[in-house]
């Protein structure tokens, strides 16, 4: 059962928005814009985050527009498995007592899907930001969204997740995040 997102028990995961692959995404602008908004908002709300890079020697590193927003405490983790639920990520989720994982990333039908399958199988609540995810083709993107739903993920959008994390208006964080999403 899903409950309101709590900054203390939620982690934001950015999956493989990197180099050559990110450059050819048809939804690139939306992916970068909404992932940037999420990173900045997570820093304001104290939501931990991590970034994964699939085989960076071949695909390049995380997009510079996102890298410049990261803080020292935001891990960038290399992987060669398609699922980002690696031993290192599993340990991080356990140490931080994470219940829910919010995901942005590419490609929706491969690494994002396999990560969602791993996370839901391990008992985590998973939220996929459809406005911060993509694949090289629209057909594969839509297939990835369907696969995410079949695995039990909530397919949602950046603004819905942010206001769920906020919980109420009238705070400094609410005002700052409202400016980001306008």
N, C-alpha and C. Protein backbone atom coordinates (compact mmCIF):
# COMPACT_ATOMS: atom_id res chain seq x y z
N UNK A 1 0.84 -1.19 0.00
CA UNK A 1 0.00 0.00 0.00
C UNK A 1 0.88 1.25 0.00
N UNK A 2 0.49 2.21 -0.80
CA UNK A 2 1.27 3.44 -0.90
C UNK A 2 0.75 4.48 0.09
N UNK A 3 1.67 5.22 0.67
CA UNK A 3 1.37 6.29 1.61
C UNK A 3 1.96 7.58 1.05
N UNK A 4 1.60 8.73 1.62
CA UNK A 4 2.23 9.98 1.15
C UNK A 4 3.75 9.87 1.22
N UNK A 5 4.41 10.46 0.23
CA UNK A 5 5.87 10.43 0.21
C UNK A 5 6.43 11.26 1.35
N UNK A 6 7.41 10.71 2.03
CA UNK A 6 8.06 11.35 3.16
C UNK A 6 9.52 11.61 2.79
N UNK A 7 9.98 12.86 2.86
CA UNK A 7 11.38 13.13 2.52
C UNK A 7 12.39 12.27 3.28
N UNK A 8 12.04 11.86 4.49
CA UNK A 8 12.97 11.07 5.31
C UNK A 8 13.11 9.63 4.84
N UNK A 9 12.12 9.13 4.10
CA UNK A 9 12.16 7.72 3.68
C UNK A 9 12.06 7.55 2.17
N UNK A 10 12.34 8.62 1.44
CA UNK A 10 12.28 8.59 -0.03
C UNK A 10 13.67 8.87 -0.58
N UNK A 11 14.02 8.19 -1.66
CA UNK A 11 15.27 8.44 -2.37
C UNK A 11 14.95 8.74 -3.83
N UNK A 12 15.63 9.71 -4.40
CA UNK A 12 15.51 10.02 -5.82
C UNK A 12 16.68 9.39 -6.55
N UNK A 13 16.36 8.58 -7.56
CA UNK A 13 17.39 7.88 -8.33
C UNK A 13 17.36 8.36 -9.78
N UNK A 14 18.51 8.81 -10.25
CA UNK A 14 18.68 9.25 -11.64
C UNK A 14 19.43 8.14 -12.36
N UNK A 15 18.77 7.52 -13.33
CA UNK A 15 19.34 6.35 -14.00
C UNK A 15 19.87 6.71 -15.39
N UNK A 16 21.17 6.70 -15.53
CA UNK A 16 21.86 6.67 -16.83
C UNK A 16 21.55 7.82 -17.79
N UNK A 17 21.31 9.02 -17.28
CA UNK A 17 21.10 10.17 -18.16
C UNK A 17 22.49 10.71 -18.49
N UNK A 18 23.10 10.10 -19.49
CA UNK A 18 24.51 10.33 -19.71
C UNK A 18 24.88 10.43 -21.19
N UNK A 19 25.93 11.17 -21.42
CA UNK A 19 26.65 11.30 -22.67
C UNK A 19 25.88 11.10 -23.95
N UNK A 20 26.41 10.20 -24.76
CA UNK A 20 25.90 9.98 -26.11
C UNK A 20 24.43 9.57 -26.11
N UNK A 21 24.05 8.76 -25.16
CA UNK A 21 22.68 8.28 -25.12
C UNK A 21 21.70 9.41 -24.81
N UNK A 22 22.03 10.25 -23.86
CA UNK A 22 21.14 11.37 -23.51
C UNK A 22 20.96 12.32 -24.68
N UNK A 23 22.00 12.48 -25.48
CA UNK A 23 21.96 13.43 -26.60
C UNK A 23 20.94 13.04 -27.67
N UNK A 24 20.65 11.74 -27.80
CA UNK A 24 19.75 11.31 -28.88
C UNK A 24 18.32 11.03 -28.40
N UNK A 25 18.02 11.35 -27.16
CA UNK A 25 16.67 11.13 -26.65
C UNK A 25 15.70 12.15 -27.25
N UNK A 26 14.60 11.70 -27.85
CA UNK A 26 13.62 12.64 -28.39
C UNK A 26 13.03 13.56 -27.31
N UNK A 27 12.94 13.10 -26.08
CA UNK A 27 12.34 13.87 -24.99
C UNK A 27 13.42 14.51 -24.11
N UNK A 28 14.59 14.73 -24.66
CA UNK A 28 15.76 15.20 -23.92
C UNK A 28 15.48 16.44 -23.07
N UNK A 29 14.84 17.46 -23.67
CA UNK A 29 14.60 18.71 -22.93
C UNK A 29 13.75 18.47 -21.70
N UNK A 30 12.68 17.71 -21.84
CA UNK A 30 11.81 17.41 -20.70
C UNK A 30 12.55 16.59 -19.64
N UNK A 31 13.33 15.62 -20.09
CA UNK A 31 14.08 14.78 -19.15
C UNK A 31 15.05 15.63 -18.33
N UNK A 32 15.83 16.47 -19.00
CA UNK A 32 16.82 17.29 -18.30
C UNK A 32 16.16 18.34 -17.41
N UNK A 33 15.12 18.99 -17.91
CA UNK A 33 14.44 20.02 -17.13
C UNK A 33 13.86 19.43 -15.85
N UNK A 34 13.11 18.35 -15.97
CA UNK A 34 12.43 17.79 -14.79
C UNK A 34 13.39 17.08 -13.84
N UNK A 35 14.43 16.47 -14.37
CA UNK A 35 15.43 15.87 -13.49
C UNK A 35 16.17 16.97 -12.73
N UNK A 36 16.47 18.08 -13.39
CA UNK A 36 17.11 19.22 -12.72
C UNK A 36 16.24 19.77 -11.61
N UNK A 37 14.96 19.92 -11.88
CA UNK A 37 14.02 20.41 -10.86
C UNK A 37 14.00 19.45 -9.67
N UNK A 38 13.98 18.15 -9.94
CA UNK A 38 13.97 17.17 -8.86
C UNK A 38 15.24 17.23 -8.03
N UNK A 39 16.40 17.33 -8.68
CA UNK A 39 17.66 17.39 -7.93
C UNK A 39 17.67 18.60 -7.01
N UNK A 40 17.33 19.77 -7.54
CA UNK A 40 17.32 20.99 -6.73
C UNK A 40 16.32 20.88 -5.58
N UNK A 41 15.15 20.33 -5.87
CA UNK A 41 14.11 20.19 -4.84
C UNK A 41 14.52 19.19 -3.77
N UNK A 42 15.14 18.10 -4.17
CA UNK A 42 15.62 17.12 -3.18
C UNK A 42 16.61 17.75 -2.23
N UNK A 43 17.49 18.59 -2.75
CA UNK A 43 18.44 19.29 -1.88
C UNK A 43 17.71 20.19 -0.89
N UNK A 44 16.67 20.87 -1.34
CA UNK A 44 15.90 21.75 -0.44
C UNK A 44 15.16 20.97 0.64
N UNK A 45 14.65 19.79 0.26
CA UNK A 45 13.80 19.02 1.16
C UNK A 45 14.57 17.98 1.98
N UNK A 46 15.85 17.83 1.71
CA UNK A 46 16.64 16.82 2.43
C UNK A 46 16.39 15.40 1.96
N UNK A 47 15.91 15.26 0.73
CA UNK A 47 15.69 13.93 0.15
C UNK A 47 17.01 13.43 -0.43
N UNK A 48 17.49 12.28 0.00
CA UNK A 48 18.74 11.77 -0.57
C UNK A 48 18.54 11.38 -2.04
N UNK A 49 19.64 11.42 -2.78
CA UNK A 49 19.57 11.02 -4.17
C UNK A 49 20.83 10.29 -4.57
N UNK A 50 20.73 9.54 -5.65
CA UNK A 50 21.90 8.91 -6.24
C UNK A 50 21.74 8.91 -7.74
N UNK A 51 22.88 8.85 -8.41
CA UNK A 51 22.93 8.87 -9.87
C UNK A 51 23.68 7.63 -10.31
N UNK A 52 23.16 6.95 -11.35
CA UNK A 52 23.89 5.81 -11.90
C UNK A 52 24.35 6.13 -13.32
N UNK A 53 25.45 5.49 -13.68
CA UNK A 53 26.00 5.61 -15.03
C UNK A 53 26.25 4.21 -15.57
N UNK A 54 25.62 3.90 -16.69
CA UNK A 54 25.80 2.61 -17.35
C UNK A 54 27.05 2.66 -18.22
N UNK A 55 28.03 1.86 -17.89
CA UNK A 55 29.27 1.73 -18.67
C UNK A 55 29.76 3.09 -19.18
N UNK A 56 30.18 3.99 -18.28
CA UNK A 56 30.57 5.34 -18.69
C UNK A 56 31.77 5.39 -19.63
N UNK A 57 32.62 4.37 -19.62
CA UNK A 57 33.76 4.36 -20.55
C UNK A 57 33.28 4.35 -22.00
N UNK A 58 32.13 3.75 -22.24
CA UNK A 58 31.59 3.69 -23.59
C UNK A 58 30.50 4.70 -23.87
N UNK A 59 29.68 5.00 -22.86
CA UNK A 59 28.53 5.88 -23.07
C UNK A 59 28.75 7.30 -22.58
N UNK A 60 29.84 7.55 -21.88
CA UNK A 60 30.08 8.88 -21.34
C UNK A 60 29.49 9.02 -19.95
N UNK A 61 29.71 10.20 -19.37
CA UNK A 61 29.26 10.45 -18.00
C UNK A 61 27.91 11.18 -17.99
N UNK A 62 27.38 11.34 -16.81
CA UNK A 62 26.11 12.03 -16.61
C UNK A 62 26.14 13.38 -17.32
N UNK A 63 24.99 13.76 -17.88
CA UNK A 63 24.89 15.03 -18.61
C UNK A 63 25.41 16.17 -17.73
N UNK A 64 26.25 17.05 -18.29
CA UNK A 64 26.84 18.14 -17.51
C UNK A 64 25.80 19.05 -16.84
N UNK A 65 24.64 19.23 -17.46
CA UNK A 65 23.60 20.07 -16.86
C UNK A 65 23.12 19.49 -15.53
N UNK A 66 23.18 18.18 -15.39
CA UNK A 66 22.79 17.53 -14.14
C UNK A 66 23.97 17.45 -13.18
N UNK A 67 25.14 17.12 -13.72
CA UNK A 67 26.33 17.01 -12.86
C UNK A 67 26.60 18.28 -12.07
N UNK A 68 26.40 19.42 -12.70
CA UNK A 68 26.70 20.69 -12.01
C UNK A 68 25.77 20.95 -10.84
N UNK A 69 24.64 20.26 -10.79
CA UNK A 69 23.69 20.44 -9.68
C UNK A 69 23.98 19.52 -8.50
N UNK A 70 24.79 18.50 -8.72
CA UNK A 70 25.04 17.52 -7.67
C UNK A 70 25.94 18.09 -6.58
N UNK A 71 25.71 17.60 -5.38
CA UNK A 71 26.55 17.95 -4.24
C UNK A 71 27.52 16.80 -3.96
N UNK A 72 28.49 17.08 -3.14
CA UNK A 72 29.50 16.08 -2.80
C UNK A 72 28.88 14.81 -2.23
N UNK A 73 27.80 14.96 -1.47
CA UNK A 73 27.18 13.79 -0.82
C UNK A 73 26.27 13.00 -1.76
N UNK A 74 26.09 13.44 -3.00
CA UNK A 74 25.25 12.75 -3.97
C UNK A 74 26.10 11.74 -4.75
N UNK A 75 25.98 10.45 -4.45
CA UNK A 75 26.85 9.49 -5.12
C UNK A 75 26.52 9.31 -6.60
N UNK A 76 27.57 9.20 -7.40
CA UNK A 76 27.46 8.83 -8.81
C UNK A 76 28.08 7.44 -8.92
N UNK A 77 27.25 6.46 -9.25
CA UNK A 77 27.65 5.06 -9.18
C UNK A 77 27.74 4.45 -10.57
N UNK A 78 28.88 3.88 -10.89
CA UNK A 78 29.04 3.18 -12.16
C UNK A 78 28.42 1.80 -12.05
N UNK A 79 27.86 1.34 -13.17
CA UNK A 79 27.29 0.00 -13.20
C UNK A 79 27.45 -0.60 -14.59
N UNK A 80 27.40 -1.92 -14.64
CA UNK A 80 27.37 -2.59 -15.93
C UNK A 80 26.10 -3.43 -16.07
N UNK A 81 25.40 -3.65 -14.96
CA UNK A 81 24.11 -4.34 -15.02
C UNK A 81 23.07 -3.35 -15.51
N UNK A 82 22.03 -3.86 -16.15
CA UNK A 82 20.97 -2.96 -16.61
C UNK A 82 20.17 -2.43 -15.42
N UNK A 83 19.88 -3.28 -14.45
CA UNK A 83 19.20 -2.82 -13.24
C UNK A 83 20.15 -1.97 -12.40
N UNK A 84 19.65 -0.86 -11.90
CA UNK A 84 20.45 0.00 -11.02
C UNK A 84 20.36 -0.45 -9.56
N UNK A 85 19.61 -1.50 -9.30
CA UNK A 85 19.51 -2.02 -7.93
C UNK A 85 20.70 -2.95 -7.68
N UNK A 86 21.85 -2.33 -7.58
CA UNK A 86 23.11 -3.05 -7.35
C UNK A 86 23.29 -3.29 -5.85
N UNK A 87 24.30 -4.05 -5.50
CA UNK A 87 24.60 -4.27 -4.08
C UNK A 87 24.85 -2.94 -3.37
N UNK A 88 25.56 -2.04 -4.04
CA UNK A 88 25.86 -0.73 -3.45
C UNK A 88 24.59 0.08 -3.20
N UNK A 89 23.67 0.05 -4.15
CA UNK A 89 22.39 0.76 -3.98
C UNK A 89 21.57 0.09 -2.90
N UNK A 90 21.54 -1.22 -2.88
CA UNK A 90 20.80 -1.95 -1.85
C UNK A 90 21.28 -1.55 -0.46
N UNK A 91 22.59 -1.50 -0.26
CA UNK A 91 23.14 -1.10 1.04
C UNK A 91 22.74 0.33 1.38
N UNK A 92 22.79 1.23 0.41
CA UNK A 92 22.43 2.62 0.64
C UNK A 92 20.97 2.73 1.08
N UNK A 93 20.09 2.01 0.40
CA UNK A 93 18.66 2.06 0.74
C UNK A 93 18.42 1.52 2.15
N UNK A 94 19.11 0.46 2.51
CA UNK A 94 18.97 -0.10 3.85
C UNK A 94 19.50 0.86 4.91
N UNK A 95 20.68 1.42 4.68
CA UNK A 95 21.29 2.33 5.66
C UNK A 95 20.43 3.57 5.89
N UNK A 96 19.82 4.07 4.84
CA UNK A 96 19.02 5.29 4.95
C UNK A 96 17.56 5.00 5.31
N UNK A 97 17.23 3.72 5.44
CA UNK A 97 15.87 3.29 5.78
C UNK A 97 14.84 3.84 4.77
N UNK A 98 15.15 3.63 3.51
CA UNK A 98 14.30 4.11 2.42
C UNK A 98 13.13 3.17 2.21
N UNK A 99 11.94 3.73 2.03
CA UNK A 99 10.75 2.95 1.73
C UNK A 99 10.30 3.13 0.28
N UNK A 100 10.54 4.34 -0.26
CA UNK A 100 10.08 4.67 -1.61
C UNK A 100 11.22 5.23 -2.44
N UNK A 101 11.24 4.85 -3.72
CA UNK A 101 12.25 5.34 -4.65
C UNK A 101 11.54 6.02 -5.81
N UNK A 102 11.92 7.26 -6.07
CA UNK A 102 11.41 8.03 -7.21
C UNK A 102 12.48 7.95 -8.29
N UNK A 103 12.05 7.65 -9.52
CA UNK A 103 13.01 7.40 -10.60
C UNK A 103 12.82 8.34 -11.77
N UNK A 104 13.96 8.86 -12.26
CA UNK A 104 14.06 9.53 -13.55
C UNK A 104 15.14 8.79 -14.31
N UNK A 105 15.04 8.71 -15.64
CA UNK A 105 16.14 8.07 -16.34
C UNK A 105 15.83 7.55 -17.71
N UNK A 106 16.87 6.97 -18.29
CA UNK A 106 16.78 6.38 -19.62
C UNK A 106 17.50 5.03 -19.61
N UNK A 107 17.19 4.14 -20.45
CA UNK A 107 16.01 4.11 -21.27
C UNK A 107 14.90 3.42 -20.51
N UNK A 108 13.69 3.91 -20.71
CA UNK A 108 12.53 3.48 -19.93
C UNK A 108 12.29 1.98 -20.05
N UNK A 109 12.47 1.43 -21.24
CA UNK A 109 12.14 0.02 -21.47
C UNK A 109 13.29 -0.94 -21.14
N UNK A 110 14.44 -0.41 -20.75
CA UNK A 110 15.58 -1.29 -20.43
C UNK A 110 16.01 -1.08 -18.98
N UNK A 111 16.92 -0.16 -18.75
CA UNK A 111 17.48 0.02 -17.40
C UNK A 111 16.44 0.49 -16.39
N UNK A 112 15.57 1.41 -16.80
CA UNK A 112 14.54 1.90 -15.88
C UNK A 112 13.59 0.77 -15.51
N UNK A 113 13.09 0.05 -16.52
CA UNK A 113 12.19 -1.07 -16.26
C UNK A 113 12.83 -2.13 -15.36
N UNK A 114 14.06 -2.53 -15.68
CA UNK A 114 14.69 -3.59 -14.90
C UNK A 114 14.97 -3.14 -13.46
N UNK A 115 15.26 -1.86 -13.28
CA UNK A 115 15.44 -1.33 -11.92
C UNK A 115 14.13 -1.36 -11.16
N UNK A 116 13.05 -0.95 -11.81
CA UNK A 116 11.73 -0.97 -11.17
C UNK A 116 11.36 -2.40 -10.78
N UNK A 117 11.58 -3.33 -11.67
CA UNK A 117 11.28 -4.74 -11.36
C UNK A 117 12.06 -5.20 -10.13
N UNK A 118 13.33 -4.85 -10.06
CA UNK A 118 14.16 -5.24 -8.91
C UNK A 118 13.67 -4.58 -7.62
N UNK A 119 13.38 -3.28 -7.69
CA UNK A 119 12.96 -2.54 -6.50
C UNK A 119 11.60 -3.00 -5.97
N UNK A 120 10.62 -3.16 -6.86
CA UNK A 120 9.30 -3.60 -6.41
C UNK A 120 9.39 -5.03 -5.88
N UNK A 121 10.22 -5.84 -6.51
CA UNK A 121 10.43 -7.21 -6.04
C UNK A 121 11.04 -7.26 -4.65
N UNK A 122 11.81 -6.23 -4.31
CA UNK A 122 12.44 -6.15 -2.99
C UNK A 122 11.54 -5.45 -1.97
N UNK A 123 10.34 -5.03 -2.39
CA UNK A 123 9.39 -4.46 -1.46
C UNK A 123 9.35 -2.94 -1.38
N UNK A 124 10.05 -2.25 -2.24
CA UNK A 124 10.04 -0.78 -2.23
C UNK A 124 8.84 -0.25 -3.01
N UNK A 125 8.32 0.89 -2.56
CA UNK A 125 7.38 1.64 -3.37
C UNK A 125 8.18 2.38 -4.43
N UNK A 126 7.71 2.38 -5.66
CA UNK A 126 8.46 3.00 -6.75
C UNK A 126 7.56 3.96 -7.51
N UNK A 127 8.10 5.14 -7.77
CA UNK A 127 7.40 6.19 -8.52
C UNK A 127 8.26 6.54 -9.73
N UNK A 128 7.71 6.36 -10.93
CA UNK A 128 8.43 6.69 -12.15
C UNK A 128 7.94 8.03 -12.68
N UNK A 129 8.86 8.96 -12.86
CA UNK A 129 8.52 10.28 -13.41
C UNK A 129 8.47 10.18 -14.93
N UNK A 130 7.26 10.10 -15.47
CA UNK A 130 7.14 9.93 -16.92
C UNK A 130 7.64 11.15 -17.69
N UNK A 131 7.67 12.31 -17.04
CA UNK A 131 8.17 13.52 -17.71
C UNK A 131 9.68 13.69 -17.53
N UNK A 132 10.32 12.71 -16.89
CA UNK A 132 11.78 12.73 -16.72
C UNK A 132 12.37 11.37 -17.10
N UNK A 133 11.71 10.71 -18.04
CA UNK A 133 12.16 9.40 -18.51
C UNK A 133 12.01 9.35 -20.03
N UNK A 134 12.74 8.46 -20.65
CA UNK A 134 12.64 8.37 -22.10
C UNK A 134 13.36 7.17 -22.67
N UNK A 135 13.06 6.93 -23.94
CA UNK A 135 13.72 5.90 -24.74
C UNK A 135 13.97 6.49 -26.11
N UNK A 136 14.78 5.79 -26.91
CA UNK A 136 15.10 6.31 -28.24
C UNK A 136 13.89 6.37 -29.15
N UNK A 137 12.90 5.52 -28.93
CA UNK A 137 11.68 5.58 -29.74
C UNK A 137 10.47 5.75 -28.82
N UNK A 138 9.43 6.38 -29.35
CA UNK A 138 8.19 6.58 -28.60
C UNK A 138 7.57 5.24 -28.23
N UNK A 139 7.63 4.29 -29.15
CA UNK A 139 7.06 2.97 -28.90
C UNK A 139 7.73 2.30 -27.70
N UNK A 140 9.05 2.36 -27.63
CA UNK A 140 9.76 1.77 -26.50
C UNK A 140 9.52 2.53 -25.21
N UNK A 141 9.39 3.86 -25.30
CA UNK A 141 9.07 4.68 -24.12
C UNK A 141 7.72 4.25 -23.55
N UNK A 142 6.71 4.18 -24.41
CA UNK A 142 5.37 3.80 -23.95
C UNK A 142 5.35 2.37 -23.42
N UNK A 143 6.09 1.49 -24.07
CA UNK A 143 6.20 0.11 -23.59
C UNK A 143 6.84 0.08 -22.20
N UNK A 144 7.86 0.90 -22.00
CA UNK A 144 8.52 0.99 -20.70
C UNK A 144 7.57 1.47 -19.61
N UNK A 145 6.71 2.45 -19.94
CA UNK A 145 5.72 2.93 -18.96
C UNK A 145 4.75 1.81 -18.60
N UNK A 146 4.30 1.06 -19.62
CA UNK A 146 3.40 -0.07 -19.36
C UNK A 146 4.08 -1.13 -18.49
N UNK A 147 5.32 -1.44 -18.81
CA UNK A 147 6.06 -2.42 -18.01
C UNK A 147 6.21 -1.94 -16.56
N UNK A 148 6.46 -0.66 -16.38
CA UNK A 148 6.59 -0.10 -15.02
C UNK A 148 5.29 -0.31 -14.24
N UNK A 149 4.17 -0.02 -14.88
CA UNK A 149 2.87 -0.21 -14.22
C UNK A 149 2.65 -1.68 -13.87
N UNK A 150 2.99 -2.56 -14.81
CA UNK A 150 2.81 -4.00 -14.56
C UNK A 150 3.66 -4.48 -13.39
N UNK A 151 4.78 -3.83 -13.16
CA UNK A 151 5.67 -4.20 -12.05
C UNK A 151 5.21 -3.58 -10.73
N UNK A 152 4.19 -2.72 -10.78
CA UNK A 152 3.65 -2.14 -9.56
C UNK A 152 4.10 -0.73 -9.26
N UNK A 153 4.79 -0.09 -10.20
CA UNK A 153 5.23 1.29 -9.99
C UNK A 153 4.07 2.26 -10.21
N UNK A 154 4.13 3.39 -9.53
CA UNK A 154 3.21 4.49 -9.79
C UNK A 154 3.86 5.33 -10.88
N UNK A 155 3.21 5.44 -12.03
CA UNK A 155 3.72 6.27 -13.12
C UNK A 155 3.09 7.64 -12.94
N UNK A 156 3.92 8.63 -12.70
CA UNK A 156 3.45 9.95 -12.29
C UNK A 156 4.29 11.03 -12.96
N UNK A 157 4.31 12.21 -12.39
CA UNK A 157 5.08 13.31 -12.96
C UNK A 157 5.80 14.06 -11.85
N UNK A 158 6.72 14.90 -12.26
CA UNK A 158 7.58 15.62 -11.32
C UNK A 158 6.78 16.47 -10.35
N UNK A 159 5.85 17.24 -10.86
CA UNK A 159 5.10 18.15 -9.99
C UNK A 159 4.28 17.40 -8.95
N UNK A 160 3.63 16.32 -9.34
CA UNK A 160 2.85 15.52 -8.39
C UNK A 160 3.72 15.00 -7.25
N UNK A 161 4.89 14.48 -7.60
CA UNK A 161 5.80 13.95 -6.59
C UNK A 161 6.30 15.05 -5.67
N UNK A 162 6.66 16.19 -6.23
CA UNK A 162 7.18 17.29 -5.40
C UNK A 162 6.15 17.78 -4.39
N UNK A 163 4.91 17.95 -4.84
CA UNK A 163 3.89 18.45 -3.92
C UNK A 163 3.47 17.38 -2.92
N UNK A 164 3.63 16.11 -3.27
CA UNK A 164 3.42 15.03 -2.30
C UNK A 164 4.51 15.09 -1.23
N UNK A 165 5.76 15.29 -1.65
CA UNK A 165 6.86 15.41 -0.69
C UNK A 165 6.70 16.64 0.20
N UNK A 166 6.21 17.73 -0.37
CA UNK A 166 6.01 18.96 0.41
C UNK A 166 4.92 18.79 1.47
N UNK A 167 3.80 18.22 1.05
CA UNK A 167 2.71 17.98 1.98
C UNK A 167 1.83 19.17 2.30
N UNK A 168 2.39 20.40 2.24
CA UNK A 168 1.60 21.58 2.57
C UNK A 168 2.22 22.82 1.93
N UNK A 169 1.40 23.83 1.81
CA UNK A 169 1.85 25.12 1.27
C UNK A 169 2.30 26.02 2.42
N UNK A 170 2.80 27.20 2.06
CA UNK A 170 3.11 28.20 3.07
C UNK A 170 4.49 28.11 3.69
N UNK A 171 5.31 27.20 3.22
CA UNK A 171 6.67 27.08 3.76
C UNK A 171 7.67 27.70 2.78
N UNK A 172 8.86 27.93 3.25
CA UNK A 172 9.92 28.44 2.38
C UNK A 172 10.23 27.47 1.25
N UNK A 173 10.22 26.17 1.57
CA UNK A 173 10.46 25.15 0.54
C UNK A 173 9.37 25.17 -0.51
N UNK A 174 8.10 25.33 -0.07
CA UNK A 174 6.99 25.39 -1.01
C UNK A 174 7.17 26.55 -1.98
N UNK A 175 7.53 27.70 -1.46
CA UNK A 175 7.71 28.88 -2.32
C UNK A 175 8.85 28.67 -3.31
N UNK A 176 9.96 28.13 -2.84
CA UNK A 176 11.13 27.91 -3.72
C UNK A 176 10.83 26.87 -4.79
N UNK A 177 10.17 25.79 -4.41
CA UNK A 177 9.86 24.73 -5.37
C UNK A 177 8.78 25.19 -6.34
N UNK A 178 7.82 25.97 -5.87
CA UNK A 178 6.80 26.52 -6.77
C UNK A 178 7.42 27.35 -7.88
N UNK A 179 8.46 28.10 -7.55
CA UNK A 179 9.16 28.89 -8.57
C UNK A 179 9.85 27.99 -9.59
N UNK A 180 10.39 26.87 -9.14
CA UNK A 180 11.08 25.95 -10.05
C UNK A 180 10.12 25.32 -11.06
N UNK A 181 8.91 25.01 -10.63
CA UNK A 181 7.98 24.29 -11.53
C UNK A 181 7.14 25.21 -12.40
N UNK A 182 7.24 26.52 -12.20
CA UNK A 182 6.45 27.45 -13.02
C UNK A 182 7.00 27.57 -14.41
